[in-house]
Amino acid sequence: MIVRITGLFVSLAVAIYLWFDAPKHNKDKWLWAILGLLFSTIVLGIYLIKTERKGLGWTILILTILFYLMLLISVLIGIILFYQVSPS
């Protein structure tokens, strides 16, 4: 429950940030805000790269990709361990 609320809060924060910052860089605020709401930190990283804040953008993008890779690996390990346990 807390994870879902935190994820929603992060997505909303990213969308609000993109809504206000996009017009400053001649970008469509609707497009970036909706993408930020749907895809959160991945879109934030791409947006920062496209608006010439490459260092921060790449850092956020790489950390997000690493997080999702670790999550995927954890799920796969859990599935493997679940099916390796033989019933007695």
PDB file of N, CA and C in Angstrom:
ATOM      1  N   MET A   1       0.819  -1.195   0.000  1.00  0.00           N
ATOM      2  CA  MET A   1       0.000   0.000   0.000  1.00  0.00           C
ATOM      3  C   MET A   1       0.863   1.259   0.000  1.00  0.00           C
ATOM      4  N   ILE A   2       1.884   1.279   0.870  1.00  0.00           N
ATOM      5  CA  ILE A   2       2.757   2.450   0.963  1.00  0.00           C
ATOM      6  C   ILE A   2       3.551   2.631  -0.329  1.00  0.00           C
ATOM      7  N   VAL A   3       3.958   1.510  -0.939  1.00  0.00           N
ATOM      8  CA  VAL A   3       4.718   1.590  -2.191  1.00  0.00           C
ATOM      9  C   VAL A   3       3.868   2.210  -3.294  1.00  0.00           C
ATOM     10  N   ARG A   4       2.602   1.846  -3.360  1.00  0.00           N
ATOM     11  CA  ARG A   4       1.718   2.406  -4.385  1.00  0.00           C
ATOM     12  C   ARG A   4       1.521   3.904  -4.182  1.00  0.00           C
ATOM     13  N   ILE A   5       1.343   4.302  -2.922  1.00  0.00           N
ATOM     14  CA  ILE A   5       1.154   5.726  -2.633  1.00  0.00           C
ATOM     15  C   ILE A   5       2.423   6.502  -2.965  1.00  0.00           C
ATOM     16  N   THR A   6       3.578   5.938  -2.627  1.00  0.00           N
ATOM     17  CA  THR A   6       4.850   6.589  -2.934  1.00  0.00           C
ATOM     18  C   THR A   6       5.045   6.708  -4.439  1.00  0.00           C
ATOM     19  N   GLY A   7       4.748   5.644  -5.177  1.00  0.00           N
ATOM     20  CA  GLY A   7       4.862   5.681  -6.635  1.00  0.00           C
ATOM     21  C   GLY A   7       3.949   6.717  -7.256  1.00  0.00           C
ATOM     22  N   LEU A   8       2.735   6.800  -6.751  1.00  0.00           N
ATOM     23  CA  LEU A   8       1.793   7.802  -7.247  1.00  0.00           C
ATOM     24  C   LEU A   8       2.290   9.208  -6.936  1.00  0.00           C
ATOM     25  N   PHE A   9       2.812   9.406  -5.724  1.00  0.00           N
ATOM     26  CA  PHE A   9       3.340  10.713  -5.337  1.00  0.00           C
ATOM     27  C   PHE A   9       4.515  11.117  -6.229  1.00  0.00           C
ATOM     28  N   VAL A  10       5.418  10.182  -6.509  1.00  0.00           N
ATOM     29  CA  VAL A  10       6.569  10.476  -7.374  1.00  0.00           C
ATOM     30  C   VAL A  10       6.089  10.821  -8.779  1.00  0.00           C
ATOM     31  N   SER A  11       5.149  10.057  -9.314  1.00  0.00           N
ATOM     32  CA  SER A  11       4.622  10.333 -10.653  1.00  0.00           C
ATOM     33  C   SER A  11       3.950  11.699 -10.722  1.00  0.00           C
ATOM     34  N   LEU A  12       3.168  12.026  -9.705  1.00  0.00           N
ATOM     35  CA  LEU A  12       2.526  13.344  -9.671  1.00  0.00           C
ATOM     36  C   LEU A  12       3.551  14.466  -9.560  1.00  0.00           C
ATOM     37  N   ALA A  13       4.571  14.266  -8.740  1.00  0.00           N
ATOM     38  CA  ALA A  13       5.610  15.288  -8.586  1.00  0.00           C
ATOM     39  C   ALA A  13       6.354  15.509  -9.903  1.00  0.00           C
ATOM     40  N   VAL A  14       6.677  14.427 -10.603  1.00  0.00           N
ATOM     41  CA  VAL A  14       7.356  14.540 -11.898  1.00  0.00           C
ATOM     42  C   VAL A  14       6.454  15.257 -12.897  1.00  0.00           C
ATOM     43  N   ALA A  15       5.177  14.887 -12.940  1.00  0.00           N
ATOM     44  CA  ALA A  15       4.237  15.510 -13.881  1.00  0.00           C
ATOM     45  C   ALA A  15       4.082  17.002 -13.600  1.00  0.00           C
ATOM     46  N   ILE A  16       3.979  17.376 -12.333  1.00  0.00           N
ATOM     47  CA  ILE A  16       3.842  18.795 -11.978  1.00  0.00           C
ATOM     48  C   ILE A  16       5.105  19.564 -12.343  1.00  0.00           C
ATOM     49  N   TYR A  17       6.266  18.974 -12.062  1.00  0.00           N
ATOM     50  CA  TYR A  17       7.527  19.633 -12.424  1.00  0.00           C
ATOM     51  C   TYR A  17       7.606  19.853 -13.934  1.00  0.00           C
ATOM     52  N   LEU A  18       7.278  18.815 -14.707  1.00  0.00           N
ATOM     53  CA  LEU A  18       7.343  18.934 -16.168  1.00  0.00           C
ATOM     54  C   LEU A  18       6.318  19.927 -16.691  1.00  0.00           C
ATOM     55  N   TRP A  19       5.148  19.991 -16.076  1.00  0.00           N
ATOM     56  CA  TRP A  19       4.099  20.937 -16.470  1.00  0.00           C
ATOM     57  C   TRP A  19       4.617  22.374 -16.389  1.00  0.00           C
ATOM     58  N   PHE A  20       5.315  22.699 -15.309  1.00  0.00           N
ATOM     59  CA  PHE A  20       5.788  24.070 -15.124  1.00  0.00           C
ATOM     60  C   PHE A  20       7.108  24.352 -15.845  1.00  0.00           C
ATOM     61  N   ASP A  21       7.949  23.342 -16.022  1.00  0.00           N
ATOM     62  CA  ASP A  21       9.270  23.577 -16.604  1.00  0.00           C
ATOM     63  C   ASP A  21       9.274  23.501 -18.131  1.00  0.00           C
ATOM     64  N   ALA A  22       8.397  22.712 -18.717  1.00  0.00           N
ATOM     65  CA  ALA A  22       8.404  22.518 -20.175  1.00  0.00           C
ATOM     66  C   ALA A  22       8.249  23.818 -20.962  1.00  0.00           C
ATOM     67  N   PRO A  23       7.327  24.716 -20.600  1.00  0.00           N
ATOM     68  CA  PRO A  23       7.211  25.958 -21.377  1.00  0.00           C
ATOM     69  C   PRO A  23       8.478  26.825 -21.332  1.00  0.00           C
ATOM     70  N   LYS A  24       9.265  26.714 -20.282  1.00  0.00           N
ATOM     71  CA  LYS A  24      10.510  27.490 -20.185  1.00  0.00           C
ATOM     72  C   LYS A  24      11.523  27.065 -21.240  1.00  0.00           C
ATOM     73  N   HIS A  25      11.364  25.845 -21.763  1.00  0.00           N
ATOM     74  CA  HIS A  25      12.287  25.307 -22.764  1.00  0.00           C
ATOM     75  C   HIS A  25      11.590  25.085 -24.106  1.00  0.00           C
ATOM     76  N   ASN A  26      10.482  25.789 -24.329  1.00  0.00           N
ATOM     77  CA  ASN A  26       9.703  25.691 -25.568  1.00  0.00           C
ATOM     78  C   ASN A  26       9.263  24.264 -25.880  1.00  0.00           C
ATOM     79  N   LYS A  27       8.844  23.540 -24.853  1.00  0.00           N
ATOM     80  CA  LYS A  27       8.322  22.182 -25.007  1.00  0.00           C
ATOM     81  C   LYS A  27       6.835  22.197 -24.664  1.00  0.00           C
ATOM     82  N   ASP A  28       6.111  21.222 -25.175  1.00  0.00           N
ATOM     83  CA  ASP A  28       4.674  21.119 -24.923  1.00  0.00           C
ATOM     84  C   ASP A  28       4.437  20.615 -23.503  1.00  0.00           C
ATOM     85  N   LYS A  29       3.829  21.450 -22.656  1.00  0.00           N
ATOM     86  CA  LYS A  29       3.644  21.072 -21.253  1.00  0.00           C
ATOM     87  C   LYS A  29       2.669  19.914 -21.093  1.00  0.00           C
ATOM     88  N   TRP A  30       1.645  19.836 -21.949  1.00  0.00           N
ATOM     89  CA  TRP A  30       0.685  18.738 -21.858  1.00  0.00           C
ATOM     90  C   TRP A  30       1.355  17.398 -22.151  1.00  0.00           C
ATOM     91  N   LEU A  31       2.125  17.355 -23.216  1.00  0.00           N
ATOM     92  CA  LEU A  31       2.794  16.115 -23.600  1.00  0.00           C
ATOM     93  C   LEU A  31       3.718  15.624 -22.496  1.00  0.00           C
ATOM     94  N   TRP A  32       4.585  16.510 -22.022  1.00  0.00           N
ATOM     95  CA  TRP A  32       5.568  16.104 -21.025  1.00  0.00           C
ATOM     96  C   TRP A  32       4.929  15.768 -19.686  1.00  0.00           C
ATOM     97  N   ALA A  33       3.881  16.488 -19.304  1.00  0.00           N
ATOM     98  CA  ALA A  33       3.207  16.194 -18.034  1.00  0.00           C
ATOM     99  C   ALA A  33       2.507  14.834 -18.085  1.00  0.00           C
ATOM    100  N   ILE A  34       1.834  14.535 -19.201  1.00  0.00           N
ATOM    101  CA  ILE A  34       1.157  13.238 -19.320  1.00  0.00           C
ATOM    102  C   ILE A  34       2.172  12.103 -19.363  1.00  0.00           C
ATOM    103  N   LEU A  35       3.240  12.285 -20.138  1.00  0.00           N
ATOM    104  CA  LEU A  35       4.284  11.257 -20.168  1.00  0.00           C
ATOM    105  C   LEU A  35       4.921  11.080 -18.792  1.00  0.00           C
ATOM    106  N   GLY A  36       5.143  12.189 -18.082  1.00  0.00           N
ATOM    107  CA  GLY A  36       5.706  12.118 -16.736  1.00  0.00           C
ATOM    108  C   GLY A  36       4.796  11.396 -15.769  1.00  0.00           C
ATOM    109  N   LEU A  37       3.497  11.594 -15.908  1.00  0.00           N
ATOM    110  CA  LEU A  37       2.536  10.906 -15.043  1.00  0.00           C
ATOM    111  C   LEU A  37       2.524   9.405 -15.331  1.00  0.00           C
ATOM    112  N   LEU A  38       2.645   9.035 -16.600  1.00  0.00           N
ATOM    113  CA  LEU A  38       2.588   7.622 -16.972  1.00  0.00           C
ATOM    114  C   LEU A  38       3.899   6.876 -16.723  1.00  0.00           C
ATOM    115  N   PHE A  39       5.030   7.525 -17.040  1.00  0.00           N
ATOM    116  CA  PHE A  39       6.310   6.815 -17.008  1.00  0.00           C
ATOM    117  C   PHE A  39       7.311   7.379 -16.005  1.00  0.00           C
ATOM    118  N   SER A  40       6.943   8.399 -15.286  1.00  0.00           N
ATOM    119  CA  SER A  40       7.657   8.947 -14.141  1.00  0.00           C
ATOM    120  C   SER A  40       9.126   9.284 -14.414  1.00  0.00           C
ATOM    121  N   THR A  41      10.034   8.657 -13.684  1.00  0.00           N
ATOM    122  CA  THR A  41      11.433   9.090 -13.690  1.00  0.00           C
ATOM    123  C   THR A  41      12.157   8.809 -15.005  1.00  0.00           C
ATOM    124  N   ILE A  42      11.699   7.834 -15.777  1.00  0.00           N
ATOM    125  CA  ILE A  42      12.320   7.602 -17.086  1.00  0.00           C
ATOM    126  C   ILE A  42      12.111   8.827 -17.970  1.00  0.00           C
ATOM    127  N   VAL A  43      10.896   9.344 -17.988  1.00  0.00           N
ATOM    128  CA  VAL A  43      10.585  10.532 -18.786  1.00  0.00           C
ATOM    129  C   VAL A  43      11.319  11.750 -18.237  1.00  0.00           C
ATOM    130  N   LEU A  44      11.420  11.856 -16.921  1.00  0.00           N
ATOM    131  CA  LEU A  44      12.150  12.982 -16.335  1.00  0.00           C
ATOM    132  C   LEU A  44      13.599  12.982 -16.800  1.00  0.00           C
ATOM    133  N   GLY A  45      14.239  11.825 -16.805  1.00  0.00           N
ATOM    134  CA  GLY A  45      15.614  11.732 -17.282  1.00  0.00           C
ATOM    135  C   GLY A  45      15.744  12.125 -18.744  1.00  0.00           C
ATOM    136  N   ILE A  46      14.840  11.632 -19.581  1.00  0.00           N
ATOM    137  CA  ILE A  46      14.869  11.970 -21.011  1.00  0.00           C
ATOM    138  C   ILE A  46      14.625  13.461 -21.211  1.00  0.00           C
ATOM    139  N   TYR A  47      13.668  14.014 -20.472  1.00  0.00           N
ATOM    140  CA  TYR A  47      13.370  15.448 -20.575  1.00  0.00           C
ATOM    141  C   TYR A  47      14.597  16.287 -20.206  1.00  0.00           C
ATOM    142  N   LEU A  48      15.258  15.927 -19.131  1.00  0.00           N
ATOM    143  CA  LEU A  48      16.435  16.694 -18.714  1.00  0.00           C
ATOM    144  C   LEU A  48      17.555  16.596 -19.746  1.00  0.00           C
ATOM    145  N   ILE A  49      17.709  15.435 -20.366  1.00  0.00           N
ATOM    146  CA  ILE A  49      18.718  15.284 -21.420  1.00  0.00           C
ATOM    147  C   ILE A  49      18.367  16.175 -22.611  1.00  0.00           C
ATOM    148  N   LYS A  50      17.095  16.191 -22.997  1.00  0.00           N
ATOM    149  CA  LYS A  50      16.672  16.988 -24.153  1.00  0.00           C
ATOM    150  C   LYS A  50      16.721  18.488 -23.895  1.00  0.00           C
ATOM    151  N   THR A  51      16.702  18.900 -22.631  1.00  0.00           N
ATOM    152  CA  THR A  51      16.751  20.330 -22.310  1.00  0.00           C
ATOM    153  C   THR A  51      18.139  20.748 -21.831  1.00  0.00           C
ATOM    154  N   GLU A  52      19.150  20.039 -22.301  1.00  0.00           N
ATOM    155  CA  GLU A  52      20.555  20.397 -22.079  1.00  0.00           C
ATOM    156  C   GLU A  52      21.007  20.305 -20.626  1.00  0.00           C
ATOM    157  N   ARG A  53      20.331  19.509 -19.820  1.00  0.00           N
ATOM    158  CA  ARG A  53      20.807  19.219 -18.463  1.00  0.00           C
ATOM    159  C   ARG A  53      21.207  17.749 -18.433  1.00  0.00           C
ATOM    160  N   LYS A  54      22.215  17.455 -19.256  1.00  0.00           N
ATOM    161  CA  LYS A  54      22.573  16.083 -19.558  1.00  0.00           C
ATOM    162  C   LYS A  54      23.101  15.304 -18.358  1.00  0.00           C
ATOM    163  N   GLY A  55      23.901  15.928 -17.522  1.00  0.00           N
ATOM    164  CA  GLY A  55      24.472  15.215 -16.376  1.00  0.00           C
ATOM    165  C   GLY A  55      23.409  14.669 -15.448  1.00  0.00           C
ATOM    166  N   LEU A  56      22.510  15.525 -15.028  1.00  0.00           N
ATOM    167  CA  LEU A  56      21.423  15.108 -14.141  1.00  0.00           C
ATOM    168  C   LEU A  56      20.473  14.154 -14.857  1.00  0.00           C
ATOM    169  N   GLY A  57      20.197  14.433 -16.125  1.00  0.00           N
ATOM    170  CA  GLY A  57      19.292  13.577 -16.893  1.00  0.00           C
ATOM    171  C   GLY A  57      19.809  12.158 -17.028  1.00  0.00           C
ATOM    172  N   TRP A  58      21.091  12.018 -17.398  1.00  0.00           N
ATOM    173  CA  TRP A  58      21.666  10.683 -17.533  1.00  0.00           C
ATOM    174  C   TRP A  58      21.727   9.972 -16.187  1.00  0.00           C
ATOM    175  N   THR A  59      22.021  10.715 -15.130  1.00  0.00           N
ATOM    176  CA  THR A  59      22.074  10.102 -13.801  1.00  0.00           C
ATOM    177  C   THR A  59      20.713   9.527 -13.418  1.00  0.00           C
ATOM    178  N   ILE A  60      19.657  10.310 -13.585  1.00  0.00           N
ATOM    179  CA  ILE A  60      18.309   9.840 -13.252  1.00  0.00           C
ATOM    180  C   ILE A  60      17.914   8.663 -14.137  1.00  0.00           C
ATOM    181  N   LEU A  61      18.209   8.750 -15.426  1.00  0.00           N
ATOM    182  CA  LEU A  61      17.839   7.684 -16.355  1.00  0.00           C
ATOM    183  C   LEU A  61      18.565   6.381 -16.025  1.00  0.00           C
ATOM    184  N   ILE A  62      19.862   6.451 -15.773  1.00  0.00           N
ATOM    185  CA  ILE A  62      20.640   5.248 -15.456  1.00  0.00           C
ATOM    186  C   ILE A  62      20.191   4.636 -14.135  1.00  0.00           C
ATOM    187  N   LEU A  63      19.963   5.473 -13.115  1.00  0.00           N
ATOM    188  CA  LEU A  63      19.500   4.943 -11.828  1.00  0.00           C
ATOM    189  C   LEU A  63      18.123   4.294 -11.954  1.00  0.00           C
ATOM    190  N   THR A  64      17.249   4.875 -12.765  1.00  0.00           N
ATOM    191  CA  THR A  64      15.924   4.286 -12.973  1.00  0.00           C
ATOM    192  C   THR A  64      16.029   2.944 -13.680  1.00  0.00           C
ATOM    193  N   ILE A  65      16.858   2.868 -14.709  1.00  0.00           N
ATOM    194  CA  ILE A  65      17.039   1.607 -15.431  1.00  0.00           C
ATOM    195  C   ILE A  65      17.638   0.551 -14.508  1.00  0.00           C
ATOM    196  N   LEU A  66      18.630   0.931 -13.702  1.00  0.00           N
ATOM    197  CA  LEU A  66      19.220  -0.021 -12.754  1.00  0.00           C
ATOM    198  C   LEU A  66      18.185  -0.510 -11.742  1.00  0.00           C
ATOM    199  N   PHE A  67      17.337   0.393 -11.261  1.00  0.00           N
ATOM    200  CA  PHE A  67      16.288   0.000 -10.321  1.00  0.00           C
ATOM    201  C   PHE A  67      15.353  -1.030 -10.947  1.00  0.00           C
ATOM    202  N   TYR A  68      14.914  -0.780 -12.176  1.00  0.00           N
ATOM    203  CA  TYR A  68      14.004  -1.716 -12.831  1.00  0.00           C
ATOM    204  C   TYR A  68      14.688  -3.047 -13.146  1.00  0.00           C
ATOM    205  N   LEU A  69      15.980  -3.014 -13.485  1.00  0.00           N
ATOM    206  CA  LEU A  69      16.709  -4.265 -13.714  1.00  0.00           C
ATOM    207  C   LEU A  69      16.826  -5.072 -12.426  1.00  0.00           C
ATOM    208  N   MET A  70      17.135  -4.400 -11.307  1.00  0.00           N
ATOM    209  CA  MET A  70      17.219  -5.105 -10.023  1.00  0.00           C
ATOM    210  C   MET A  70      15.865  -5.683  -9.631  1.00  0.00           C
ATOM    211  N   LEU A  71      14.801  -4.946  -9.889  1.00  0.00           N
ATOM    212  CA  LEU A  71      13.457  -5.438  -9.597  1.00  0.00           C
ATOM    213  C   LEU A  71      13.144  -6.677 -10.436  1.00  0.00           C
ATOM    214  N   LEU A  72      13.473  -6.625 -11.719  1.00  0.00           N
ATOM    215  CA  LEU A  72      13.236  -7.762 -12.606  1.00  0.00           C
ATOM    216  C   LEU A  72      14.044  -8.980 -12.167  1.00  0.00           C
ATOM    217  N   ILE A  73      15.312  -8.781 -11.835  1.00  0.00           N
ATOM    218  CA  ILE A  73      16.160  -9.887 -11.382  1.00  0.00           C
ATOM    219  C   ILE A  73      15.624 -10.477 -10.086  1.00  0.00           C
ATOM    220  N   SER A  74      15.177  -9.631  -9.172  1.00  0.00           N
ATOM    221  CA  SER A  74      14.614 -10.120  -7.907  1.00  0.00           C
ATOM    222  C   SER A  74      13.372 -10.971  -8.144  1.00  0.00           C
ATOM    223  N   VAL A  75      12.512 -10.531  -9.038  1.00  0.00           N
ATOM    224  CA  VAL A  75      11.303 -11.300  -9.350  1.00  0.00           C
ATOM    225  C   VAL A  75      11.676 -12.635  -9.983  1.00  0.00           C
ATOM    226  N   LEU A  76      12.627 -12.627 -10.909  1.00  0.00           N
ATOM    227  CA  LEU A  76      13.045 -13.874 -11.547  1.00  0.00           C
ATOM    228  C   LEU A  76      13.664 -14.835 -10.542  1.00  0.00           C
ATOM    229  N   ILE A  77      14.490 -14.333  -9.632  1.00  0.00           N
ATOM    230  CA  ILE A  77      15.077 -15.182  -8.594  1.00  0.00           C
ATOM    231  C   ILE A  77      13.981 -15.748  -7.697  1.00  0.00           C
ATOM    232  N   GLY A  78      13.009 -14.923  -7.347  1.00  0.00           N
ATOM    233  CA  GLY A  78      11.892 -15.403  -6.536  1.00  0.00           C
ATOM    234  C   GLY A  78      11.114 -16.504  -7.224  1.00  0.00           C
ATOM    235  N   ILE A  79      10.871 -16.352  -8.511  1.00  0.00           N
ATOM    236  CA  ILE A  79      10.143 -17.381  -9.269  1.00  0.00           C
ATOM    237  C   ILE A  79      10.949 -18.668  -9.327  1.00  0.00           C
ATOM    238  N   ILE A  80      12.249 -18.546  -9.586  1.00  0.00           N
ATOM    239  CA  ILE A  80      13.114 -19.733  -9.650  1.00  0.00           C
ATOM    240  C   ILE A  80      13.139 -20.448  -8.308  1.00  0.00           C
ATOM    241  N   LEU A  81      13.312 -19.703  -7.224  1.00  0.00           N
ATOM    242  CA  LEU A  81      13.344 -20.322  -5.897  1.00  0.00           C
ATOM    243  C   LEU A  81      11.996 -20.934  -5.536  1.00  0.00           C
ATOM    244  N   PHE A  82      10.923 -20.316  -5.937  1.00  0.00           N
ATOM    245  CA  PHE A  82       9.587 -20.842  -5.647  1.00  0.00           C
ATOM    246  C   PHE A  82       9.381 -22.199  -6.307  1.00  0.00           C
ATOM    247  N   TYR A  83       9.825 -22.354  -7.545  1.00  0.00           N
ATOM    248  CA  TYR A  83       9.605 -23.602  -8.260  1.00  0.00           C
ATOM    249  C   TYR A  83      10.673 -24.650  -7.967  1.00  0.00           C
ATOM    250  N   GLN A  84      11.786 -24.279  -7.322  1.00  0.00           N
ATOM    251  CA  GLN A  84      12.806 -25.257  -6.961  1.00  0.00           C
ATOM    252  C   GLN A  84      12.452 -26.009  -5.691  1.00  0.00           C
ATOM    253  N   VAL A  85      11.621 -25.434  -4.857  1.00  0.00           N
ATOM    254  CA  VAL A  85      11.233 -26.098  -3.616  1.00  0.00           C
ATOM    255  C   VAL A  85      10.297 -27.243  -3.970  1.00  0.00           C
ATOM    256  N   SER A  86      10.741 -28.451  -3.677  1.00  0.00           N
ATOM    257  CA  SER A  86       9.902 -29.603  -4.009  1.00  0.00           C
ATOM    258  C   SER A  86       8.978 -29.926  -2.835  1.00  0.00           C
ATOM    259  N   PRO A  87       7.732 -30.259  -3.135  1.00  0.00           N
ATOM    260  CA  PRO A  87       6.799 -30.594  -2.055  1.00  0.00           C
ATOM    261  C   PRO A  87       7.189 -31.906  -1.381  1.00  0.00           C
ATOM    262  N   SER A  88       7.011 -31.986  -0.088  1.00  0.00           N
ATOM    263  CA  SER A  88       7.393 -33.195   0.665  1.00  0.00           C
ATOM    264  C   SER A  88       6.298 -34.229   0.636  1.00  0.00           C
TER     265      SER A  88
END
